[in-house]
C-alpha atoms as a PDB file:
ATOM      1  CA  MET A   1       0.092  -0.297   0.258  1.00  0.00           C
ATOM      2  CA  LEU A   2       1.044   3.399  -1.003  1.00  0.00           C
ATOM      3  CA  THR A   3       1.816   5.904   1.782  1.00  0.00           C
ATOM      4  CA  ARG A   4       1.083   9.445   1.382  1.00  0.00           C
ATOM      5  CA  ASP A   5       5.191   9.800   0.945  1.00  0.00           C
ATOM      6  CA  ASP A   6       5.422   7.841  -1.969  1.00  0.00           C
ATOM      7  CA  VAL A   7       2.313   9.384  -3.443  1.00  0.00           C
ATOM      8  CA  ILE A   8       4.021  12.823  -3.506  1.00  0.00           C
ATOM      9  CA  ASP A   9       7.339  11.385  -4.768  1.00  0.00           C
ATOM     10  CA  ILE A  10       5.851   9.767  -7.618  1.00  0.00           C
ATOM     11  CA  ILE A  11       4.029  12.709  -8.506  1.00  0.00           C
ATOM     12  CA  LEU A  12       7.173  14.964  -8.413  1.00  0.00           C
ATOM     13  CA  GLU A  13       9.105  12.602 -10.585  1.00  0.00           C
ATOM     14  CA  ARG A  14       6.676  12.849 -12.524  1.00  0.00           C
ATOM     15  CA  LEU A  15       6.320  16.281 -12.842  1.00  0.00           C
ATOM     16  CA  SER A  16      10.078  17.202 -13.269  1.00  0.00           C
ATOM     17  CA  ALA A  17      10.510  14.030 -16.397  1.00  0.00           C
ATOM     18  CA  PRO A  18      11.030  15.648 -19.330  1.00  0.00           C
ATOM     19  CA  ALA A  19       7.872  16.442 -21.757  1.00  0.00           C
ATOM     20  CA  ALA A  20       7.372  14.256 -24.241  1.00  0.00           C
ATOM     21  CA  PRO A  21       7.276  15.787 -27.710  1.00  0.00           C
ATOM     22  CA  LEU A  22       4.953  16.126 -29.799  1.00  0.00           C
ATOM     23  CA  PRO A  23       3.830  13.344 -32.313  1.00  0.00           C
ATOM     24  CA  ALA A  24       5.600  13.798 -35.740  1.00  0.00           C
ATOM     25  CA  ARG A  25       2.038  14.223 -37.719  1.00  0.00           C
ATOM     26  CA  GLY A  26       2.285  17.349 -37.883  1.00  0.00           C
ATOM     27  CA  ARG A  27      -0.859  18.372 -36.222  1.00  0.00           C
ATOM     28  CA  LEU A  28      -0.909  21.142 -33.327  1.00  0.00           C
ATOM     29  CA  ALA A  29      -1.604  20.384 -29.552  1.00  0.00           C
ATOM     30  CA  GLY A  30      -4.137  21.487 -29.931  1.00  0.00           C
ATOM     31  CA  ASP A  31      -5.574  19.660 -32.685  1.00  0.00           C
ATOM     32  CA  ILE A  32      -8.419  17.037 -32.441  1.00  0.00           C
ATOM     33  CA  ARG A  33      -7.746  15.261 -36.024  1.00  0.00           C
ATOM     34  CA  GLY A  34      -6.783  11.567 -35.331  1.00  0.00           C
ATOM     35  CA  ARG A  35      -8.188  12.064 -31.248  1.00  0.00           C
ATOM     36  CA  LYS A  36     -10.352   8.614 -30.222  1.00  0.00           C
ATOM     37  CA  PHE A  37     -11.371  10.302 -27.087  1.00  0.00           C
ATOM     38  CA  LEU A  38     -12.120  14.047 -26.971  1.00  0.00           C
ATOM     39  CA  SER A  39     -12.247  15.595 -23.584  1.00  0.00           C
ATOM     40  CA  GLU A  40     -14.148  18.761 -22.419  1.00  0.00           C
ATOM     41  CA  TYR A  41     -11.186  21.197 -22.291  1.00  0.00           C
ATOM     42  CA  ASP A  42      -9.942  19.687 -25.540  1.00  0.00           C
ATOM     43  CA  ILE A  43     -13.317  20.768 -27.152  1.00  0.00           C
ATOM     44  CA  ARG A  44     -13.374  23.983 -25.696  1.00  0.00           C
ATOM     45  CA  LYS A  45     -10.118  24.691 -27.262  1.00  0.00           C
ATOM     46  CA  GLN A  46     -11.222  24.074 -30.769  1.00  0.00           C
ATOM     47  CA  LEU A  47     -14.340  26.146 -31.136  1.00  0.00           C
ATOM     48  CA  THR A  48     -14.847  30.318 -30.885  1.00  0.00           C
ATOM     49  CA  VAL A  49     -17.213  32.195 -28.973  1.00  0.00           C
ATOM     50  CA  ASN A  50     -19.480  32.310 -31.851  1.00  0.00           C
ATOM     51  CA  SER A  51     -18.961  28.188 -32.995  1.00  0.00           C
ATOM     52  CA  GLN A  52     -22.349  26.582 -34.253  1.00  0.00           C
ATOM     53  CA  GLU A  53     -20.806  23.281 -35.117  1.00  0.00           C
ATOM     54  CA  LEU A  54     -18.083  20.944 -34.334  1.00  0.00           C
ATOM     55  CA  LYS A  55     -16.407  18.079 -36.389  1.00  0.00           C
ATOM     56  CA  ILE A  56     -14.900  15.591 -34.899  1.00  0.00           C
ATOM     57  CA  PRO A  57     -13.474  11.943 -36.465  1.00  0.00           C
ATOM     58  CA  ARG A  58     -15.896   9.316 -36.681  1.00  0.00           C
ATOM     59  CA  ASP A  59     -14.228   6.615 -34.137  1.00  0.00           C
ATOM     60  CA  SER A  60     -13.830   9.554 -31.568  1.00  0.00           C
ATOM     61  CA  ILE A  61     -15.266   9.158 -28.099  1.00  0.00           C
ATOM     62  CA  ILE A  62     -16.546  12.463 -26.353  1.00  0.00           C
ATOM     63  CA  SER A  63     -17.157  12.936 -22.561  1.00  0.00           C
ATOM     64  CA  PRO A  64     -19.909  12.470 -21.249  1.00  0.00           C
ATOM     65  CA  LEU A  65     -19.389  16.148 -19.474  1.00  0.00           C
ATOM     66  CA  ALA A  66     -18.201  17.553 -23.293  1.00  0.00           C
ATOM     67  CA  GLU A  67     -21.783  16.728 -24.124  1.00  0.00           C
ATOM     68  CA  ASP A  68     -23.471  18.069 -21.647  1.00  0.00           C
ATOM     69  CA  TRP A  69     -21.274  21.125 -21.995  1.00  0.00           C
ATOM     70  CA  LEU A  70     -21.707  21.126 -25.939  1.00  0.00           C
ATOM     71  CA  THR A  71     -25.532  20.727 -25.671  1.00  0.00           C
ATOM     72  CA  LEU A  72     -25.694  22.978 -23.344  1.00  0.00           C
ATOM     73  CA  ARG A  73     -24.305  25.701 -26.167  1.00  0.00           C
ATOM     74  CA  ARG A  74     -26.512  24.058 -28.725  1.00  0.00           C
ATOM     75  CA  ILE A  75     -23.800  23.245 -30.222  1.00  0.00           C
ATOM     76  CA  LYS A  76     -23.921  20.612 -32.766  1.00  0.00           C
ATOM     77  CA  ILE A  77     -21.635  17.831 -33.711  1.00  0.00           C
ATOM     78  CA  THR A  78     -20.055  16.206 -36.810  1.00  0.00           C
ATOM     79  CA  ARG A  79     -18.127  13.274 -37.821  1.00  0.00           C
ATOM     80  CA  GLU A  80     -16.784  12.934 -40.363  1.00  0.00           C
END
């Protein structure tokens, strides 16, 4: 069983590790093309204030929170 100090050590170890390089696919960090799971944060980064539609990959899974957020703002989801 992990102690509180073990958890703190694990977290600090992860935070101090060098960041992994971005994928070599040429996509931007905020680009959702090719993503399998889309969180509410990912979706918010893609939309502007006046967005009415969100285009996502056909096989992507949208988190329940993201679906609720899109429904609340009446944004249409189009799967490509």
